[in-house]
Amino acid sequence: MGKRYLLSDTHFCDERILRYESRPFASVQEMDTALIEHWNGIVKSEDTVFVLGDFSAGDEETTKEILSLLQGEKVLVMGNHDQQRTPLQWRTLGFSEVSRWPILYEGFYILSHEPVYICNTMPYANIFGHVHGNPAYKDYSSQSFCVSVERINYTPILFEDIKLAMILETS
């Protein structure tokens, strides 16, 4: 088994996201190229990447092409901008698994697009996206971690690094 990575809110082919989130790219083409290069710079074919929503605003052909360029097995937890396609359509485009709802991973980590309510007496942690760079949300805490690409240098982040950051936050 390869390594496991996470990220959210790539918004491939979405011109509007450049303005909405002040992304540091001159064009959507530059953004898409950088996202693909950052992904393939660390993810290998035997690895798995959990995409926590808002993957692409592109048409089917373009989205399928982007997915074919990205290394590793790809699992999608659908976000609010992914609803234009069904889970079956997303699998046809190149995701190996697709869920409309959060996934409970390793019995402890809730992988979701939007943050879910977690308090310090709950035996769970939440890894999420959706909030991009919104300062109302911390990058991470002992029970949460935001993987919106703006917070992780537009690069998938290792699941082991997420767990370590959360553990160190409790120390």
N, C-alpha and C. Protein backbone atom coordinates (compact mmCIF):
# COMPACT_ATOMS: atom_id res chain seq x y z
N MET A 1 0.84 -1.19 0.00
CA MET A 1 0.00 0.00 0.00
C MET A 1 0.88 1.24 0.00
N GLY A 2 0.48 2.20 -0.82
CA GLY A 2 1.24 3.44 -0.91
C GLY A 2 0.87 4.43 0.18
N LYS A 3 1.31 5.63 0.00
CA LYS A 3 1.02 6.70 0.94
C LYS A 3 -0.39 7.24 0.71
N ARG A 4 -0.90 7.94 1.74
CA ARG A 4 -2.23 8.53 1.64
C ARG A 4 -2.10 10.05 1.79
N TYR A 5 -2.76 10.76 0.88
CA TYR A 5 -2.72 12.21 0.86
C TYR A 5 -4.13 12.77 0.88
N LEU A 6 -4.24 14.04 1.26
CA LEU A 6 -5.54 14.72 1.22
C LEU A 6 -5.36 16.13 0.69
N LEU A 7 -6.42 16.65 0.09
CA LEU A 7 -6.52 18.05 -0.29
C LEU A 7 -7.97 18.34 -0.64
N SER A 8 -8.28 19.61 -0.74
CA SER A 8 -9.64 20.02 -1.05
C SER A 8 -9.62 21.30 -1.86
N ASP A 9 -10.70 21.52 -2.58
CA ASP A 9 -10.95 22.81 -3.23
C ASP A 9 -9.95 23.16 -4.32
N THR A 10 -9.61 22.19 -5.15
CA THR A 10 -8.72 22.51 -6.28
C THR A 10 -9.41 23.44 -7.26
N HIS A 11 -10.69 23.27 -7.46
CA HIS A 11 -11.47 24.12 -8.39
C HIS A 11 -10.80 24.23 -9.76
N PHE A 12 -10.36 23.10 -10.30
CA PHE A 12 -9.79 23.11 -11.64
C PHE A 12 -10.78 23.81 -12.59
N CYS A 13 -10.24 24.54 -13.54
CA CYS A 13 -11.00 25.19 -14.62
C CYS A 13 -11.93 26.30 -14.14
N ASP A 14 -11.79 26.76 -12.92
CA ASP A 14 -12.70 27.75 -12.36
C ASP A 14 -12.03 29.12 -12.28
N GLU A 15 -12.31 29.94 -13.26
CA GLU A 15 -11.73 31.29 -13.34
C GLU A 15 -12.09 32.14 -12.12
N ARG A 16 -13.30 31.97 -11.63
CA ARG A 16 -13.78 32.80 -10.52
C ARG A 16 -12.98 32.61 -9.24
N ILE A 17 -12.46 31.40 -9.01
CA ILE A 17 -11.77 31.11 -7.76
C ILE A 17 -10.49 31.94 -7.63
N LEU A 18 -9.93 32.34 -8.76
CA LEU A 18 -8.73 33.19 -8.72
C LEU A 18 -9.01 34.49 -7.98
N ARG A 19 -10.17 35.08 -8.26
CA ARG A 19 -10.56 36.33 -7.60
C ARG A 19 -11.09 36.09 -6.19
N TYR A 20 -11.98 35.12 -6.08
CA TYR A 20 -12.64 34.88 -4.79
C TYR A 20 -11.63 34.60 -3.68
N GLU A 21 -10.59 33.86 -4.01
CA GLU A 21 -9.62 33.45 -2.98
C GLU A 21 -8.25 34.08 -3.18
N SER A 22 -8.16 35.05 -4.07
CA SER A 22 -6.88 35.74 -4.33
C SER A 22 -5.75 34.73 -4.57
N ARG A 23 -6.02 33.75 -5.39
CA ARG A 23 -4.99 32.76 -5.68
C ARG A 23 -3.85 33.39 -6.46
N PRO A 24 -2.63 32.96 -6.22
CA PRO A 24 -1.45 33.61 -6.79
C PRO A 24 -1.10 33.16 -8.21
N PHE A 25 -2.10 33.11 -9.07
CA PHE A 25 -1.89 32.67 -10.44
C PHE A 25 -2.44 33.71 -11.40
N ALA A 26 -1.77 33.89 -12.51
CA ALA A 26 -2.18 34.90 -13.49
C ALA A 26 -3.39 34.45 -14.31
N SER A 27 -3.60 33.14 -14.40
CA SER A 27 -4.71 32.62 -15.20
C SER A 27 -5.14 31.26 -14.66
N VAL A 28 -6.30 30.82 -15.10
CA VAL A 28 -6.78 29.50 -14.68
C VAL A 28 -5.88 28.41 -15.25
N GLN A 29 -5.34 28.62 -16.43
CA GLN A 29 -4.42 27.64 -17.02
C GLN A 29 -3.15 27.51 -16.17
N GLU A 30 -2.64 28.64 -15.69
CA GLU A 30 -1.45 28.60 -14.83
C GLU A 30 -1.78 27.87 -13.52
N MET A 31 -2.95 28.14 -12.96
CA MET A 31 -3.37 27.48 -11.73
C MET A 31 -3.49 25.97 -11.94
N ASP A 32 -4.20 25.57 -13.00
CA ASP A 32 -4.39 24.15 -13.25
C ASP A 32 -3.05 23.44 -13.45
N THR A 33 -2.15 24.04 -14.19
CA THR A 33 -0.83 23.46 -14.42
C THR A 33 -0.07 23.32 -13.11
N ALA A 34 -0.10 24.36 -12.27
CA ALA A 34 0.60 24.31 -10.99
C ALA A 34 0.01 23.22 -10.09
N LEU A 35 -1.32 23.13 -10.03
CA LEU A 35 -1.96 22.11 -9.20
C LEU A 35 -1.55 20.70 -9.66
N ILE A 36 -1.54 20.47 -10.95
CA ILE A 36 -1.14 19.16 -11.49
C ILE A 36 0.33 18.89 -11.17
N GLU A 37 1.20 19.88 -11.36
CA GLU A 37 2.62 19.69 -11.08
C GLU A 37 2.87 19.44 -9.60
N HIS A 38 2.21 20.19 -8.72
CA HIS A 38 2.38 19.99 -7.28
C HIS A 38 1.91 18.59 -6.88
N TRP A 39 0.76 18.17 -7.40
CA TRP A 39 0.21 16.84 -7.12
C TRP A 39 1.20 15.77 -7.56
N ASN A 40 1.59 15.81 -8.83
CA ASN A 40 2.45 14.76 -9.38
C ASN A 40 3.88 14.84 -8.87
N GLY A 41 4.26 15.95 -8.27
CA GLY A 41 5.59 16.08 -7.68
C GLY A 41 5.77 15.22 -6.44
N ILE A 42 4.67 14.84 -5.79
CA ILE A 42 4.80 14.01 -4.59
C ILE A 42 4.00 12.72 -4.64
N VAL A 43 2.88 12.70 -5.34
CA VAL A 43 2.02 11.52 -5.38
C VAL A 43 2.55 10.55 -6.44
N LYS A 44 2.65 9.28 -6.05
CA LYS A 44 3.09 8.22 -6.96
C LYS A 44 1.89 7.35 -7.34
N SER A 45 2.05 6.51 -8.34
CA SER A 45 0.93 5.72 -8.85
C SER A 45 0.31 4.80 -7.80
N GLU A 46 1.10 4.33 -6.84
CA GLU A 46 0.58 3.42 -5.81
C GLU A 46 -0.08 4.14 -4.63
N ASP A 47 -0.05 5.46 -4.63
CA ASP A 47 -0.61 6.26 -3.54
C ASP A 47 -2.11 6.51 -3.74
N THR A 48 -2.75 6.96 -2.68
CA THR A 48 -4.17 7.32 -2.72
C THR A 48 -4.32 8.77 -2.29
N VAL A 49 -5.15 9.52 -3.02
CA VAL A 49 -5.43 10.91 -2.67
C VAL A 49 -6.93 11.04 -2.41
N PHE A 50 -7.25 11.53 -1.22
CA PHE A 50 -8.63 11.84 -0.87
C PHE A 50 -8.87 13.31 -1.22
N VAL A 51 -9.76 13.55 -2.15
CA VAL A 51 -10.13 14.91 -2.55
C VAL A 51 -11.42 15.24 -1.80
N LEU A 52 -11.33 16.21 -0.89
CA LEU A 52 -12.48 16.53 -0.04
C LEU A 52 -13.32 17.64 -0.66
N GLY A 53 -13.68 17.44 -1.91
CA GLY A 53 -14.66 18.28 -2.56
C GLY A 53 -14.14 19.41 -3.41
N ASP A 54 -15.05 19.89 -4.25
CA ASP A 54 -14.84 21.01 -5.17
C ASP A 54 -13.63 20.78 -6.06
N PHE A 55 -13.69 19.70 -6.81
CA PHE A 55 -12.57 19.29 -7.64
C PHE A 55 -12.44 20.10 -8.92
N SER A 56 -13.51 20.16 -9.74
CA SER A 56 -13.37 20.79 -11.05
C SER A 56 -14.68 21.41 -11.52
N ALA A 57 -14.55 22.56 -12.16
CA ALA A 57 -15.69 23.21 -12.80
C ALA A 57 -15.66 22.98 -14.31
N GLY A 58 -14.71 22.18 -14.77
CA GLY A 58 -14.56 21.94 -16.20
C GLY A 58 -15.61 21.01 -16.75
N ASP A 59 -15.71 20.98 -18.08
CA ASP A 59 -16.63 20.06 -18.73
C ASP A 59 -16.11 18.63 -18.56
N GLU A 60 -16.91 17.66 -18.98
CA GLU A 60 -16.54 16.26 -18.76
C GLU A 60 -15.21 15.90 -19.41
N GLU A 61 -15.01 16.30 -20.64
CA GLU A 61 -13.79 15.95 -21.36
C GLU A 61 -12.55 16.53 -20.66
N THR A 62 -12.61 17.80 -20.29
CA THR A 62 -11.47 18.45 -19.65
C THR A 62 -11.21 17.85 -18.27
N THR A 63 -12.27 17.61 -17.51
CA THR A 63 -12.13 17.03 -16.18
C THR A 63 -11.55 15.63 -16.26
N LYS A 64 -12.01 14.83 -17.21
CA LYS A 64 -11.47 13.49 -17.39
C LYS A 64 -9.99 13.54 -17.75
N GLU A 65 -9.62 14.49 -18.59
CA GLU A 65 -8.21 14.65 -18.97
C GLU A 65 -7.36 15.02 -17.76
N ILE A 66 -7.84 15.96 -16.95
CA ILE A 66 -7.10 16.36 -15.74
C ILE A 66 -6.93 15.15 -14.83
N LEU A 67 -8.01 14.41 -14.58
CA LEU A 67 -7.92 13.23 -13.71
C LEU A 67 -6.93 12.22 -14.26
N SER A 68 -6.87 12.07 -15.57
CA SER A 68 -5.94 11.09 -16.17
C SER A 68 -4.48 11.53 -16.00
N LEU A 69 -4.26 12.82 -15.84
CA LEU A 69 -2.90 13.34 -15.65
C LEU A 69 -2.40 13.21 -14.21
N LEU A 70 -3.31 13.06 -13.27
CA LEU A 70 -2.96 13.03 -11.85
C LEU A 70 -2.60 11.62 -11.40
N GLN A 71 -1.46 11.50 -10.75
CA GLN A 71 -0.98 10.22 -10.25
C GLN A 71 -1.86 9.70 -9.12
N GLY A 72 -1.84 8.40 -8.92
CA GLY A 72 -2.46 7.76 -7.77
C GLY A 72 -3.93 7.44 -7.94
N GLU A 73 -4.43 6.69 -6.97
CA GLU A 73 -5.85 6.41 -6.89
C GLU A 73 -6.52 7.64 -6.30
N LYS A 74 -7.66 8.02 -6.83
CA LYS A 74 -8.34 9.24 -6.40
C LYS A 74 -9.72 8.92 -5.83
N VAL A 75 -9.95 9.40 -4.60
CA VAL A 75 -11.22 9.19 -3.91
C VAL A 75 -11.84 10.55 -3.68
N LEU A 76 -13.10 10.73 -4.04
CA LEU A 76 -13.77 12.01 -3.92
C LEU A 76 -14.87 11.97 -2.85
N VAL A 77 -14.79 12.91 -1.91
CA VAL A 77 -15.92 13.23 -1.04
C VAL A 77 -16.52 14.49 -1.66
N MET A 78 -17.70 14.38 -2.21
CA MET A 78 -18.27 15.46 -3.00
C MET A 78 -18.48 16.72 -2.17
N GLY A 79 -18.17 17.85 -2.81
CA GLY A 79 -18.40 19.16 -2.21
C GLY A 79 -19.59 19.85 -2.87
N ASN A 80 -19.88 21.03 -2.42
CA ASN A 80 -21.04 21.77 -2.94
C ASN A 80 -20.90 22.07 -4.44
N HIS A 81 -19.68 22.23 -4.94
CA HIS A 81 -19.49 22.51 -6.37
C HIS A 81 -19.36 21.24 -7.22
N ASP A 82 -19.45 20.07 -6.59
CA ASP A 82 -19.37 18.81 -7.33
C ASP A 82 -20.73 18.22 -7.64
N GLN A 83 -21.77 18.88 -7.20
CA GLN A 83 -23.13 18.33 -7.31
C GLN A 83 -23.67 18.33 -8.74
N GLN A 84 -22.97 18.96 -9.68
CA GLN A 84 -23.45 18.96 -11.06
C GLN A 84 -23.31 17.59 -11.71
N ARG A 85 -22.60 16.68 -11.02
CA ARG A 85 -22.45 15.32 -11.52
C ARG A 85 -22.85 14.34 -10.43
N THR A 86 -23.27 13.15 -10.84
CA THR A 86 -23.60 12.09 -9.88
C THR A 86 -22.31 11.37 -9.49
N PRO A 87 -22.35 10.60 -8.40
CA PRO A 87 -21.18 9.79 -8.06
C PRO A 87 -20.75 8.87 -9.22
N LEU A 88 -21.71 8.28 -9.90
CA LEU A 88 -21.37 7.42 -11.04
C LEU A 88 -20.64 8.21 -12.13
N GLN A 89 -21.09 9.42 -12.43
CA GLN A 89 -20.41 10.24 -13.44
C GLN A 89 -18.99 10.56 -13.00
N TRP A 90 -18.80 10.89 -11.72
CA TRP A 90 -17.44 11.17 -11.22
C TRP A 90 -16.55 9.93 -11.34
N ARG A 91 -17.11 8.74 -11.05
CA ARG A 91 -16.31 7.52 -11.19
C ARG A 91 -15.96 7.28 -12.67
N THR A 92 -16.89 7.56 -13.56
CA THR A 92 -16.63 7.40 -14.99
C THR A 92 -15.50 8.32 -15.44
N LEU A 93 -15.39 9.48 -14.81
CA LEU A 93 -14.34 10.44 -15.18
C LEU A 93 -12.97 10.06 -14.63
N GLY A 94 -12.93 9.22 -13.58
CA GLY A 94 -11.62 8.79 -13.11
C GLY A 94 -11.43 8.62 -11.62
N PHE A 95 -12.45 8.91 -10.81
CA PHE A 95 -12.33 8.64 -9.37
C PHE A 95 -12.64 7.17 -9.13
N SER A 96 -11.87 6.53 -8.24
CA SER A 96 -12.13 5.12 -7.95
C SER A 96 -13.31 4.95 -7.00
N GLU A 97 -13.48 5.90 -6.09
CA GLU A 97 -14.60 5.89 -5.15
C GLU A 97 -15.12 7.31 -5.02
N VAL A 98 -16.43 7.43 -4.80
CA VAL A 98 -17.06 8.74 -4.65
C VAL A 98 -18.13 8.63 -3.57
N SER A 99 -18.16 9.61 -2.67
CA SER A 99 -19.19 9.64 -1.64
C SER A 99 -19.85 11.01 -1.59
N ARG A 100 -21.15 11.01 -1.48
CA ARG A 100 -21.89 12.27 -1.31
C ARG A 100 -21.77 12.77 0.13
N TRP A 101 -21.41 11.87 1.05
CA TRP A 101 -21.41 12.19 2.48
C TRP A 101 -20.02 12.01 3.07
N PRO A 102 -19.80 12.58 4.24
CA PRO A 102 -18.50 12.39 4.91
C PRO A 102 -18.18 10.90 5.09
N ILE A 103 -16.90 10.62 5.18
CA ILE A 103 -16.39 9.26 5.37
C ILE A 103 -15.75 9.19 6.75
N LEU A 104 -16.06 8.14 7.51
CA LEU A 104 -15.36 7.89 8.76
C LEU A 104 -14.16 7.01 8.40
N TYR A 105 -12.97 7.55 8.59
CA TYR A 105 -11.75 6.90 8.15
C TYR A 105 -10.93 6.47 9.36
N GLU A 106 -10.50 5.24 9.36
CA GLU A 106 -9.75 4.65 10.47
C GLU A 106 -10.50 4.77 11.80
N GLY A 107 -11.82 4.82 11.74
CA GLY A 107 -12.64 4.82 12.93
C GLY A 107 -12.56 6.07 13.79
N PHE A 108 -11.85 7.10 13.32
CA PHE A 108 -11.62 8.29 14.14
C PHE A 108 -11.71 9.59 13.33
N TYR A 109 -11.27 9.57 12.09
CA TYR A 109 -11.17 10.78 11.27
C TYR A 109 -12.39 10.91 10.37
N ILE A 110 -13.11 12.00 10.51
CA ILE A 110 -14.25 12.29 9.65
C ILE A 110 -13.73 13.13 8.50
N LEU A 111 -13.74 12.55 7.30
CA LEU A 111 -13.29 13.27 6.10
C LEU A 111 -14.52 13.88 5.46
N SER A 112 -14.56 15.21 5.41
CA SER A 112 -15.75 15.89 4.90
C SER A 112 -15.35 17.09 4.06
N HIS A 113 -16.29 17.53 3.25
CA HIS A 113 -16.02 18.76 2.51
C HIS A 113 -16.14 19.95 3.45
N GLU A 114 -17.31 20.13 4.04
CA GLU A 114 -17.52 21.24 4.98
C GLU A 114 -17.13 20.79 6.38
N PRO A 115 -16.66 21.72 7.21
CA PRO A 115 -16.34 21.34 8.58
C PRO A 115 -17.58 20.84 9.31
N VAL A 116 -17.40 19.83 10.15
CA VAL A 116 -18.50 19.33 10.97
C VAL A 116 -18.22 19.68 12.42
N TYR A 117 -19.27 19.75 13.19
CA TYR A 117 -19.13 20.12 14.60
C TYR A 117 -18.42 18.99 15.36
N ILE A 118 -17.33 19.34 15.99
CA ILE A 118 -16.57 18.42 16.83
C ILE A 118 -16.23 19.19 18.10
N CYS A 119 -16.55 18.63 19.26
CA CYS A 119 -16.12 19.27 20.51
C CYS A 119 -15.09 18.37 21.19
N ASN A 120 -14.41 18.92 22.20
CA ASN A 120 -13.29 18.19 22.77
C ASN A 120 -13.68 16.95 23.57
N THR A 121 -14.96 16.71 23.76
CA THR A 121 -15.38 15.49 24.44
C THR A 121 -15.79 14.39 23.45
N MET A 122 -15.75 14.69 22.17
CA MET A 122 -16.11 13.70 21.15
C MET A 122 -14.87 12.89 20.76
N PRO A 123 -15.05 11.62 20.49
CA PRO A 123 -13.90 10.78 20.15
C PRO A 123 -13.58 10.78 18.65
N TYR A 124 -13.69 11.95 18.01
CA TYR A 124 -13.45 12.06 16.58
C TYR A 124 -12.61 13.29 16.26
N ALA A 125 -12.06 13.28 15.07
CA ALA A 125 -11.39 14.45 14.52
C ALA A 125 -11.93 14.67 13.11
N ASN A 126 -11.90 15.90 12.65
CA ASN A 126 -12.47 16.25 11.34
C ASN A 126 -11.38 16.82 10.44
N ILE A 127 -11.25 16.22 9.26
CA ILE A 127 -10.38 16.76 8.21
C ILE A 127 -11.33 17.26 7.14
N PHE A 128 -11.19 18.52 6.76
CA PHE A 128 -12.19 19.17 5.92
C PHE A 128 -11.55 20.18 4.98
N GLY A 129 -12.39 20.72 4.10
CA GLY A 129 -12.01 21.80 3.20
C GLY A 129 -13.07 22.88 3.26
N HIS A 130 -13.46 23.38 2.10
CA HIS A 130 -14.57 24.30 1.92
C HIS A 130 -14.31 25.73 2.36
N VAL A 131 -13.59 25.94 3.44
CA VAL A 131 -13.46 27.29 4.00
C VAL A 131 -12.30 28.08 3.39
N HIS A 132 -11.53 27.44 2.52
CA HIS A 132 -10.41 28.09 1.84
C HIS A 132 -9.53 28.81 2.86
N GLY A 133 -9.32 30.10 2.70
CA GLY A 133 -8.45 30.85 3.60
C GLY A 133 -9.18 31.61 4.69
N ASN A 134 -10.45 31.33 4.91
CA ASN A 134 -11.26 32.06 5.88
C ASN A 134 -10.59 32.05 7.25
N PRO A 135 -10.23 33.23 7.79
CA PRO A 135 -9.52 33.28 9.07
C PRO A 135 -10.38 32.87 10.27
N ALA A 136 -11.67 32.70 10.10
CA ALA A 136 -12.52 32.24 11.20
C ALA A 136 -12.19 30.78 11.57
N TYR A 137 -11.49 30.07 10.69
CA TYR A 137 -11.13 28.68 10.92
C TYR A 137 -9.62 28.56 11.05
N LYS A 138 -9.18 27.81 12.06
CA LYS A 138 -7.76 27.56 12.24
C LYS A 138 -7.28 26.58 11.17
N ASP A 139 -5.99 26.64 10.86
CA ASP A 139 -5.42 25.67 9.94
C ASP A 139 -5.60 24.26 10.49
N TYR A 140 -5.33 24.11 11.81
CA TYR A 140 -5.53 22.82 12.45
C TYR A 140 -5.57 22.99 13.96
N SER A 141 -6.10 21.96 14.61
CA SER A 141 -6.15 21.88 16.06
C SER A 141 -5.99 20.41 16.43
N SER A 142 -6.17 20.09 17.68
CA SER A 142 -6.04 18.69 18.09
C SER A 142 -7.15 17.81 17.50
N GLN A 143 -8.25 18.42 17.04
CA GLN A 143 -9.36 17.63 16.49
C GLN A 143 -9.83 18.08 15.11
N SER A 144 -9.07 18.94 14.47
CA SER A 144 -9.48 19.36 13.13
C SER A 144 -8.26 19.75 12.30
N PHE A 145 -8.44 19.64 10.98
CA PHE A 145 -7.38 20.02 10.05
C PHE A 145 -8.04 20.44 8.75
N CYS A 146 -7.71 21.64 8.26
CA CYS A 146 -8.25 22.13 7.00
C CYS A 146 -7.27 21.85 5.87
N VAL A 147 -7.74 21.14 4.84
CA VAL A 147 -6.89 20.81 3.70
C VAL A 147 -7.28 21.58 2.44
N SER A 148 -7.94 22.74 2.60
CA SER A 148 -8.17 23.60 1.43
C SER A 148 -6.80 23.94 0.86
N VAL A 149 -6.67 23.89 -0.45
CA VAL A 149 -5.35 24.03 -1.08
C VAL A 149 -4.63 25.33 -0.71
N GLU A 150 -5.38 26.38 -0.43
CA GLU A 150 -4.75 27.64 -0.06
C GLU A 150 -3.93 27.51 1.23
N ARG A 151 -4.28 26.57 2.08
CA ARG A 151 -3.61 26.38 3.38
C ARG A 151 -2.47 25.37 3.33
N ILE A 152 -2.39 24.61 2.25
CA ILE A 152 -1.37 23.55 2.17
C ILE A 152 -0.51 23.70 0.91
N ASN A 153 -0.27 24.95 0.54
CA ASN A 153 0.62 25.27 -0.59
C ASN A 153 0.20 24.61 -1.90
N TYR A 154 -1.11 24.47 -2.11
CA TYR A 154 -1.65 23.93 -3.37
C TYR A 154 -1.09 22.55 -3.68
N THR A 155 -0.78 21.79 -2.64
CA THR A 155 -0.13 20.49 -2.77
C THR A 155 -0.80 19.48 -1.84
N PRO A 156 -1.08 18.28 -2.30
CA PRO A 156 -1.63 17.27 -1.39
C PRO A 156 -0.73 17.11 -0.16
N ILE A 157 -1.35 16.87 0.99
CA ILE A 157 -0.61 16.72 2.23
C ILE A 157 -0.75 15.29 2.73
N LEU A 158 0.33 14.74 3.23
CA LEU A 158 0.34 13.38 3.75
C LEU A 158 -0.59 13.22 4.94
N PHE A 159 -1.34 12.16 4.95
CA PHE A 159 -2.22 11.84 6.07
C PHE A 159 -1.40 11.73 7.36
N GLU A 160 -0.22 11.14 7.28
CA GLU A 160 0.64 11.00 8.46
C GLU A 160 1.06 12.36 9.01
N ASP A 161 1.29 13.34 8.15
CA ASP A 161 1.66 14.69 8.60
C ASP A 161 0.48 15.38 9.27
N ILE A 162 -0.72 15.13 8.77
CA ILE A 162 -1.93 15.69 9.39
C ILE A 162 -2.08 15.12 10.80
N LYS A 163 -1.97 13.78 10.92
CA LYS A 163 -2.11 13.14 12.23
C LYS A 163 -1.05 13.65 13.20
N LEU A 164 0.18 13.81 12.73
CA LEU A 164 1.25 14.29 13.59
C LEU A 164 0.98 15.71 14.07
N ALA A 165 0.54 16.58 13.19
CA ALA A 165 0.24 17.97 13.57
C ALA A 165 -0.87 18.00 14.62
N MET A 166 -1.87 17.15 14.46
CA MET A 166 -2.97 17.11 15.41
C MET A 166 -2.51 16.57 16.77
N ILE A 167 -1.66 15.55 16.75
CA ILE A 167 -1.14 14.98 18.00
C ILE A 167 -0.26 16.00 18.72
N LEU A 168 0.60 16.69 17.98
CA LEU A 168 1.49 17.68 18.60
C LEU A 168 0.69 18.84 19.19
N GLU A 169 -0.46 19.12 18.60
CA GLU A 169 -1.31 20.21 19.10
C GLU A 169 -1.89 19.87 20.47
N THR A 170 -2.01 18.57 20.77
CA THR A 170 -2.54 18.18 22.08
C THR A 170 -1.45 18.20 23.15
N SER A 171 -0.19 18.21 22.74
CA SER A 171 0.91 18.18 23.71
C SER A 171 1.09 19.49 24.44
